[in-house]
PDB file of N, CA and C in Angstrom:
ATOM      1  N   MET A   1      95.040 113.156 123.893  1.00  0.00           N
ATOM      2  CA  MET A   1      94.937 113.004 122.456  1.00  0.00           C
ATOM      3  C   MET A   1      96.332 113.058 121.816  1.00  0.00           C
ATOM      4  N   ASN A   2      97.190 113.928 122.334  1.00  0.00           N
ATOM      5  CA  ASN A   2      98.536 114.035 121.777  1.00  0.00           C
ATOM      6  C   ASN A   2      99.321 112.737 121.919  1.00  0.00           C
ATOM      7  N   ARG A   3      99.147 112.052 123.054  1.00  0.00           N
ATOM      8  CA  ARG A   3      99.846 110.774 123.248  1.00  0.00           C
ATOM      9  C   ARG A   3      99.346 109.725 122.267  1.00  0.00           C
ATOM     10  N   ILE A   4      98.043 109.710 122.023  1.00  0.00           N
ATOM     11  CA  ILE A   4      97.476 108.756 121.077  1.00  0.00           C
ATOM     12  C   ILE A   4      97.988 109.033 119.676  1.00  0.00           C
ATOM     13  N   LEU A   5      97.990 110.288 119.286  1.00  0.00           N
ATOM     14  CA  LEU A   5      98.480 110.644 117.960  1.00  0.00           C
ATOM     15  C   LEU A   5      99.966 110.339 117.821  1.00  0.00           C
ATOM     16  N   ASP A   6     100.727 110.560 118.878  1.00  0.00           N
ATOM     17  CA  ASP A   6     102.149 110.240 118.853  1.00  0.00           C
ATOM     18  C   ASP A   6     102.360 108.740 118.650  1.00  0.00           C
ATOM     19  N   GLN A   7     101.584 107.934 119.352  1.00  0.00           N
ATOM     20  CA  GLN A   7     101.684 106.483 119.193  1.00  0.00           C
ATOM     21  C   GLN A   7     101.252 106.058 117.793  1.00  0.00           C
ATOM     22  N   LEU A   8     100.223 106.694 117.262  1.00  0.00           N
ATOM     23  CA  LEU A   8      99.765 106.397 115.905  1.00  0.00           C
ATOM     24  C   LEU A   8     100.857 106.717 114.894  1.00  0.00           C
ATOM     25  N   ALA A   9     101.509 107.843 115.063  1.00  0.00           N
ATOM     26  CA  ALA A   9     102.572 108.241 114.139  1.00  0.00           C
ATOM     27  C   ALA A   9     103.742 107.270 114.181  1.00  0.00           C
ATOM     28  N   ARG A  10     104.009 106.693 115.326  1.00  0.00           N
ATOM     29  CA  ARG A  10     105.130 105.756 115.476  1.00  0.00           C
ATOM     30  C   ARG A  10     104.751 104.314 115.139  1.00  0.00           C
ATOM     31  N   SER A  11     103.477 104.043 114.940  1.00  0.00           N
ATOM     32  CA  SER A  11     102.999 102.666 114.746  1.00  0.00           C
ATOM     33  C   SER A  11     103.302 102.085 113.371  1.00  0.00           C
ATOM     34  N   GLY A  12     103.540 102.930 112.389  1.00  0.00           N
ATOM     35  CA  GLY A  12     103.730 102.437 111.031  1.00  0.00           C
ATOM     36  C   GLY A  12     102.436 102.346 110.244  1.00  0.00           C
ATOM     37  N   LEU A  13     101.322 102.721 110.860  1.00  0.00           N
ATOM     38  CA  LEU A  13     100.034 102.683 110.167  1.00  0.00           C
ATOM     39  C   LEU A  13      99.841 103.861 109.221  1.00  0.00           C
ATOM     40  N   LEU A  14     100.596 104.927 109.442  1.00  0.00           N
ATOM     41  CA  LEU A  14     100.464 106.119 108.603  1.00  0.00           C
ATOM     42  C   LEU A  14     101.692 106.265 107.713  1.00  0.00           C
ATOM     43  N   LEU A  15     101.484 106.847 106.561  1.00  0.00           N
ATOM     44  CA  LEU A  15     102.599 107.175 105.692  1.00  0.00           C
ATOM     45  C   LEU A  15     103.388 108.328 106.302  1.00  0.00           C
ATOM     46  N   ASP A  16     104.625 108.501 105.861  1.00  0.00           N
ATOM     47  CA  ASP A  16     105.500 109.537 106.418  1.00  0.00           C
ATOM     48  C   ASP A  16     104.933 110.940 106.270  1.00  0.00           C
ATOM     49  N   ASP A  17     104.170 111.200 105.197  1.00  0.00           N
ATOM     50  CA  ASP A  17     103.644 112.555 105.011  1.00  0.00           C
ATOM     51  C   ASP A  17     102.601 112.931 106.057  1.00  0.00           C
ATOM     52  N   LEU A  18     102.056 111.956 106.774  1.00  0.00           N
ATOM     53  CA  LEU A  18     101.157 112.248 107.890  1.00  0.00           C
ATOM     54  C   LEU A  18     101.849 112.042 109.239  1.00  0.00           C
ATOM     55  N   ALA A  19     102.767 111.076 109.307  1.00  0.00           N
ATOM     56  CA  ALA A  19     103.415 110.774 110.588  1.00  0.00           C
ATOM     57  C   ALA A  19     104.407 111.860 111.004  1.00  0.00           C
ATOM     58  N   LYS A  20     105.184 112.360 110.056  1.00  0.00           N
ATOM     59  CA  LYS A  20     106.204 113.363 110.399  1.00  0.00           C
ATOM     60  C   LYS A  20     105.611 114.645 110.981  1.00  0.00           C
ATOM     61  N   PRO A  21     104.533 115.206 110.399  1.00  0.00           N
ATOM     62  CA  PRO A  21     103.954 116.407 111.021  1.00  0.00           C
ATOM     63  C   PRO A  21     103.428 116.155 112.429  1.00  0.00           C
ATOM     64  N   ILE A  22     102.881 114.966 112.674  1.00  0.00           N
ATOM     65  CA  ILE A  22     102.389 114.648 114.022  1.00  0.00           C
ATOM     66  C   ILE A  22     103.553 114.643 115.007  1.00  0.00           C
ATOM     67  N   LEU A  23     104.646 114.011 114.611  1.00  0.00           N
ATOM     68  CA  LEU A  23     105.810 113.960 115.497  1.00  0.00           C
ATOM     69  C   LEU A  23     106.438 115.330 115.706  1.00  0.00           C
ATOM     70  N   ALA A  24     106.235 116.231 114.736  1.00  0.00           N
ATOM     71  CA  ALA A  24     106.748 117.591 114.859  1.00  0.00           C
ATOM     72  C   ALA A  24     105.789 118.495 115.635  1.00  0.00           C
ATOM     73  N   GLY A  25     104.620 117.955 116.015  1.00  0.00           N
ATOM     74  CA  GLY A  25     103.667 118.739 116.792  1.00  0.00           C
ATOM     75  C   GLY A  25     102.616 119.456 115.975  1.00  0.00           C
ATOM     76  N   ASP A  26     102.552 119.186 114.682  1.00  0.00           N
ATOM     77  CA  ASP A  26     101.565 119.822 113.804  1.00  0.00           C
ATOM     78  C   ASP A  26     100.591 118.757 113.322  1.00  0.00           C
ATOM     79  N   THR A  27      99.463 118.626 114.007  1.00  0.00           N
ATOM     80  CA  THR A  27      98.512 117.567 113.708  1.00  0.00           C
ATOM     81  C   THR A  27      97.703 117.873 112.454  1.00  0.00           C
ATOM     82  N   PRO A  28      97.696 116.935 111.491  1.00  0.00           N
ATOM     83  CA  PRO A  28      96.854 117.108 110.302  1.00  0.00           C
ATOM     84  C   PRO A  28      95.371 117.025 110.692  1.00  0.00           C
ATOM     85  N   PRO A  29      94.487 117.461 109.812  1.00  0.00           N
ATOM     86  CA  PRO A  29      93.049 117.343 110.114  1.00  0.00           C
ATOM     87  C   PRO A  29      92.658 115.886 110.364  1.00  0.00           C
ATOM     88  N   ILE A  30      91.730 115.683 111.264  1.00  0.00           N
ATOM     89  CA  ILE A  30      91.301 114.336 111.641  1.00  0.00           C
ATOM     90  C   ILE A  30      90.770 113.563 110.440  1.00  0.00           C
ATOM     91  N   GLU A  31      90.164 114.273 109.477  1.00  0.00           N
ATOM     92  CA  GLU A  31      89.637 113.607 108.285  1.00  0.00           C
ATOM     93  C   GLU A  31      90.756 112.923 107.495  1.00  0.00           C
ATOM     94  N   GLU A  32      91.907 113.557 107.418  1.00  0.00           N
ATOM     95  CA  GLU A  32      93.042 112.966 106.707  1.00  0.00           C
ATOM     96  C   GLU A  32      93.551 111.722 107.417  1.00  0.00           C
ATOM     97  N   LEU A  33      93.593 111.766 108.741  1.00  0.00           N
ATOM     98  CA  LEU A  33      94.046 110.613 109.501  1.00  0.00           C
ATOM     99  C   LEU A  33      93.080 109.442 109.347  1.00  0.00           C
ATOM    100  N   VAL A  34      91.791 109.740 109.440  1.00  0.00           N
ATOM    101  CA  VAL A  34      90.779 108.688 109.302  1.00  0.00           C
ATOM    102  C   VAL A  34      90.845 108.067 107.918  1.00  0.00           C
ATOM    103  N   MET A  35      90.956 108.889 106.888  1.00  0.00           N
ATOM    104  CA  MET A  35      91.019 108.360 105.524  1.00  0.00           C
ATOM    105  C   MET A  35      92.273 107.521 105.315  1.00  0.00           C
ATOM    106  N   ALA A  36      93.392 107.940 105.863  1.00  0.00           N
ATOM    107  CA  ALA A  36      94.629 107.170 105.718  1.00  0.00           C
ATOM    108  C   ALA A  36      94.483 105.796 106.382  1.00  0.00           C
ATOM    109  N   LEU A  37      93.884 105.746 107.559  1.00  0.00           N
ATOM    110  CA  LEU A  37      93.689 104.474 108.243  1.00  0.00           C
ATOM    111  C   LEU A  37      92.688 103.594 107.506  1.00  0.00           C
ATOM    112  N   LEU A  38      91.656 104.217 106.964  1.00  0.00           N
ATOM    113  CA  LEU A  38      90.649 103.475 106.208  1.00  0.00           C
ATOM    114  C   LEU A  38      91.244 102.884 104.934  1.00  0.00           C
ATOM    115  N   VAL A  39      92.012 103.670 104.227  1.00  0.00           N
ATOM    116  CA  VAL A  39      92.659 103.180 103.003  1.00  0.00           C
ATOM    117  C   VAL A  39      93.640 102.055 103.335  1.00  0.00           C
ATOM    118  N   GLY A  40      94.360 102.187 104.429  1.00  0.00           N
ATOM    119  CA  GLY A  40      95.271 101.122 104.848  1.00  0.00           C
ATOM    120  C   GLY A  40      94.541  99.830 105.171  1.00  0.00           C
ATOM    121  N   ALA A  41      93.400  99.934 105.846  1.00  0.00           N
ATOM    122  CA  ALA A  41      92.606  98.747 106.168  1.00  0.00           C
ATOM    123  C   ALA A  41      92.051  98.110 104.901  1.00  0.00           C
ATOM    124  N   MET A  42      91.604  98.945 103.972  1.00  0.00           N
ATOM    125  CA  MET A  42      91.087  98.420 102.702  1.00  0.00           C
ATOM    126  C   MET A  42      92.191  97.724 101.917  1.00  0.00           C
ATOM    127  N   ASP A  43      93.356  98.335 101.865  1.00  0.00           N
ATOM    128  CA  ASP A  43      94.487  97.755 101.151  1.00  0.00           C
ATOM    129  C   ASP A  43      94.861  96.397 101.736  1.00  0.00           C
ATOM    130  N   ALA A  44      94.969  96.333 103.053  1.00  0.00           N
ATOM    131  CA  ALA A  44      95.325  95.073 103.706  1.00  0.00           C
ATOM    132  C   ALA A  44      94.279  94.001 103.431  1.00  0.00           C
ATOM    133  N   HIS A  45      93.017  94.374 103.476  1.00  0.00           N
ATOM    134  CA  HIS A  45      91.954  93.396 103.223  1.00  0.00           C
ATOM    135  C   HIS A  45      92.013  92.860 101.799  1.00  0.00           C
ATOM    136  N   PHE A  46      92.151  93.753 100.826  1.00  0.00           N
ATOM    137  CA  PHE A  46      92.129  93.301  99.444  1.00  0.00           C
ATOM    138  C   PHE A  46      93.382  92.505  99.068  1.00  0.00           C
ATOM    139  N   VAL A  47      94.513  92.838  99.676  1.00  0.00           N
ATOM    140  CA  VAL A  47      95.720  92.035  99.430  1.00  0.00           C
ATOM    141  C   VAL A  47      95.511  90.632  99.980  1.00  0.00           C
ATOM    142  N   LEU A  48      94.981  90.539 101.171  1.00  0.00           N
ATOM    143  CA  LEU A  48      94.756  89.232 101.786  1.00  0.00           C
ATOM    144  C   LEU A  48      93.660  88.460 101.063  1.00  0.00           C
ATOM    145  N   ALA A  49      92.597  89.141 100.676  1.00  0.00           N
ATOM    146  CA  ALA A  49      91.487  88.473  99.992  1.00  0.00           C
ATOM    147  C   ALA A  49      91.928  87.932  98.630  1.00  0.00           C
ATOM    148  N   GLY A  50      92.872  88.598  97.985  1.00  0.00           N
ATOM    149  CA  GLY A  50      93.338  88.163  96.684  1.00  0.00           C
ATOM    150  C   GLY A  50      94.468  87.151  96.734  1.00  0.00           C
ATOM    151  N   ASP A  51      94.941  86.844  97.918  1.00  0.00           N
ATOM    152  CA  ASP A  51      96.052  85.900  98.062  1.00  0.00           C
ATOM    153  C   ASP A  51      95.509  84.479  98.136  1.00  0.00           C
ATOM    154  N   PRO A  52      95.832  83.642  97.158  1.00  0.00           N
ATOM    155  CA  PRO A  52      95.309  82.274  97.193  1.00  0.00           C
ATOM    156  C   PRO A  52      95.863  81.445  98.352  1.00  0.00           C
ATOM    157  N   ASN A  53      96.943  81.897  98.967  1.00  0.00           N
ATOM    158  CA  ASN A  53      97.529  81.166 100.087  1.00  0.00           C
ATOM    159  C   ASN A  53      96.966  81.584 101.446  1.00  0.00           C
ATOM    160  N   SER A  54      96.119  82.610 101.474  1.00  0.00           N
ATOM    161  CA  SER A  54      95.565  83.033 102.765  1.00  0.00           C
ATOM    162  C   SER A  54      94.453  82.071 103.181  1.00  0.00           C
ATOM    163  N   SER A  55      94.371  81.878 104.467  1.00  0.00           N
ATOM    164  CA  SER A  55      93.366  80.945 104.988  1.00  0.00           C
ATOM    165  C   SER A  55      92.007  81.633 105.087  1.00  0.00           C
ATOM    166  N   TRP A  56      90.991  80.819 105.255  1.00  0.00           N
ATOM    167  CA  TRP A  56      89.642  81.346 105.408  1.00  0.00           C
ATOM    168  C   TRP A  56      89.569  82.221 106.652  1.00  0.00           C
ATOM    169  N   ASN A  57      90.242  81.806 107.706  1.00  0.00           N
ATOM    170  CA  ASN A  57      90.219  82.570 108.956  1.00  0.00           C
ATOM    171  C   ASN A  57      90.920  83.923 108.788  1.00  0.00           C
ATOM    172  N   GLU A  58      92.039  83.965 108.068  1.00  0.00           N
ATOM    173  CA  GLU A  58      92.730  85.237 107.815  1.00  0.00           C
ATOM    174  C   GLU A  58      91.830  86.189 107.018  1.00  0.00           C
ATOM    175  N   ARG A  59      91.150  85.657 106.025  1.00  0.00           N
ATOM    176  CA  ARG A  59      90.236  86.491 105.223  1.00  0.00           C
ATOM    177  C   ARG A  59      89.087  87.018 106.067  1.00  0.00           C
ATOM    178  N   ARG A  60      88.559  86.161 106.925  1.00  0.00           N
ATOM    179  CA  ARG A  60      87.460  86.580 107.797  1.00  0.00           C
ATOM    180  C   ARG A  60      87.918  87.668 108.761  1.00  0.00           C
ATOM    181  N   LEU A  61      89.100  87.511 109.342  1.00  0.00           N
ATOM    182  CA  LEU A  61      89.620  88.516 110.268  1.00  0.00           C
ATOM    183  C   LEU A  61      89.891  89.845 109.565  1.00  0.00           C
ATOM    184  N   SER A  62      90.402  89.790 108.341  1.00  0.00           N
ATOM    185  CA  SER A  62      90.664  91.041 107.621  1.00  0.00           C
ATOM    186  C   SER A  62      89.360  91.736 107.268  1.00  0.00           C
ATOM    187  N   ARG A  63      88.338  90.969 106.965  1.00  0.00           N
ATOM    188  CA  ARG A  63      87.024  91.572 106.670  1.00  0.00           C
ATOM    189  C   ARG A  63      86.432  92.208 107.924  1.00  0.00           C
ATOM    190  N   MET A  64      86.603  91.552 109.070  1.00  0.00           N
ATOM    191  CA  MET A  64      86.113  92.122 110.325  1.00  0.00           C
ATOM    192  C   MET A  64      86.879  93.401 110.669  1.00  0.00           C
ATOM    193  N   ALA A  65      88.190  93.408 110.448  1.00  0.00           N
ATOM    194  CA  ALA A  65      88.986  94.605 110.717  1.00  0.00           C
ATOM    195  C   ALA A  65      88.563  95.748 109.799  1.00  0.00           C
ATOM    196  N   LEU A  66      88.245  95.426 108.557  1.00  0.00           N
ATOM    197  CA  LEU A  66      87.773  96.448 107.626  1.00  0.00           C
ATOM    198  C   LEU A  66      86.437  97.019 108.087  1.00  0.00           C
ATOM    199  N   ALA A  67      85.552  96.159 108.551  1.00  0.00           N
ATOM    200  CA  ALA A  67      84.261  96.626 109.063  1.00  0.00           C
ATOM    201  C   ALA A  67      84.453  97.539 110.271  1.00  0.00           C
ATOM    202  N   VAL A  68      85.348  97.164 111.171  1.00  0.00           N
ATOM    203  CA  VAL A  68      85.625  97.995 112.350  1.00  0.00           C
ATOM    204  C   VAL A  68      86.195  99.349 111.925  1.00  0.00           C
ATOM    205  N   ALA A  69      87.064  99.354 110.915  1.00  0.00           N
ATOM    206  CA  ALA A  69      87.638 100.610 110.429  1.00  0.00           C
ATOM    207  C   ALA A  69      86.542 101.523 109.883  1.00  0.00           C
ATOM    208  N   PHE A  70      85.612 100.972 109.123  1.00  0.00           N
ATOM    209  CA  PHE A  70      84.513 101.778 108.592  1.00  0.00           C
ATOM    210  C   PHE A  70      83.604 102.282 109.707  1.00  0.00           C
ATOM    211  N   LEU A  71      83.289 101.427 110.665  1.00  0.00           N
ATOM    212  CA  LEU A  71      82.443 101.862 111.778  1.00  0.00           C
ATOM    213  C   LEU A  71      83.123 102.950 112.603  1.00  0.00           C
ATOM    214  N   ALA A  72      84.415 102.803 112.827  1.00  0.00           N
ATOM    215  CA  ALA A  72      85.148 103.823 113.574  1.00  0.00           C
ATOM    216  C   ALA A  72      85.166 105.139 112.805  1.00  0.00           C
ATOM    217  N   ALA A  73      85.357 105.074 111.483  1.00  0.00           N
ATOM    218  CA  ALA A  73      85.354 106.286 110.672  1.00  0.00           C
ATOM    219  C   ALA A  73      83.998 106.966 110.740  1.00  0.00           C
ATOM    220  N   MET A  74      82.935 106.172 110.685  1.00  0.00           N
ATOM    221  CA  MET A  74      81.588 106.753 110.772  1.00  0.00           C
ATOM    222  C   MET A  74      81.363 107.391 112.146  1.00  0.00           C
ATOM    223  N   ALA A  75      81.873 106.771 113.180  1.00  0.00           N
ATOM    224  CA  ALA A  75      81.694 107.314 114.527  1.00  0.00           C
ATOM    225  C   ALA A  75      82.476 108.605 114.713  1.00  0.00           C
ATOM    226  N   VAL A  76      83.704 108.633 114.199  1.00  0.00           N
ATOM    227  CA  VAL A  76      84.550 109.811 114.371  1.00  0.00           C
ATOM    228  C   VAL A  76      84.059 110.967 113.526  1.00  0.00           C
ATOM    229  N   LEU A  77      83.707 110.685 112.290  1.00  0.00           N
ATOM    230  CA  LEU A  77      83.335 111.755 111.363  1.00  0.00           C
ATOM    231  C   LEU A  77      81.827 111.986 111.302  1.00  0.00           C
ATOM    232  N   GLY A  78      81.042 111.143 111.927  1.00  0.00           N
ATOM    233  CA  GLY A  78      79.586 111.256 111.843  1.00  0.00           C
ATOM    234  C   GLY A  78      79.019 112.535 112.421  1.00  0.00           C
ATOM    235  N   GLY A  79      79.643 113.076 113.432  1.00  0.00           N
ATOM    236  CA  GLY A  79      79.140 114.286 114.059  1.00  0.00           C
ATOM    237  C   GLY A  79      79.477 115.561 113.300  1.00  0.00           C
ATOM    238  N   GLU A  80      80.238 115.451 112.234  1.00  0.00           N
ATOM    239  CA  GLU A  80      80.663 116.642 111.495  1.00  0.00           C
ATOM    240  C   GLU A  80      79.688 117.044 110.406  1.00  0.00           C
ATOM    241  N   GLU A  81      78.719 116.197 110.119  1.00  0.00           N
ATOM    242  CA  GLU A  81      77.772 116.535 109.034  1.00  0.00           C
ATOM    243  C   GLU A  81      76.583 117.280 109.572  1.00  0.00           C
TER     244      GLU A  81
END
């Protein structure tokens, strides 16, 4: 798990306020990581969906990635309720 989190912190998918503690060995709660990734996926989708120059295929792929992000969040956090 530590290797995965280290790679996530170095990937650029997380903001510095979450990546730096991971690299320092202090892992934030999983809920914060999931929400950060979900918000990033939503942001990317809406930027692409609102771009008149994006192709239909790019929009479709961003929507699929957003769906995968939501399903992954439900799978990771689903057992906590």
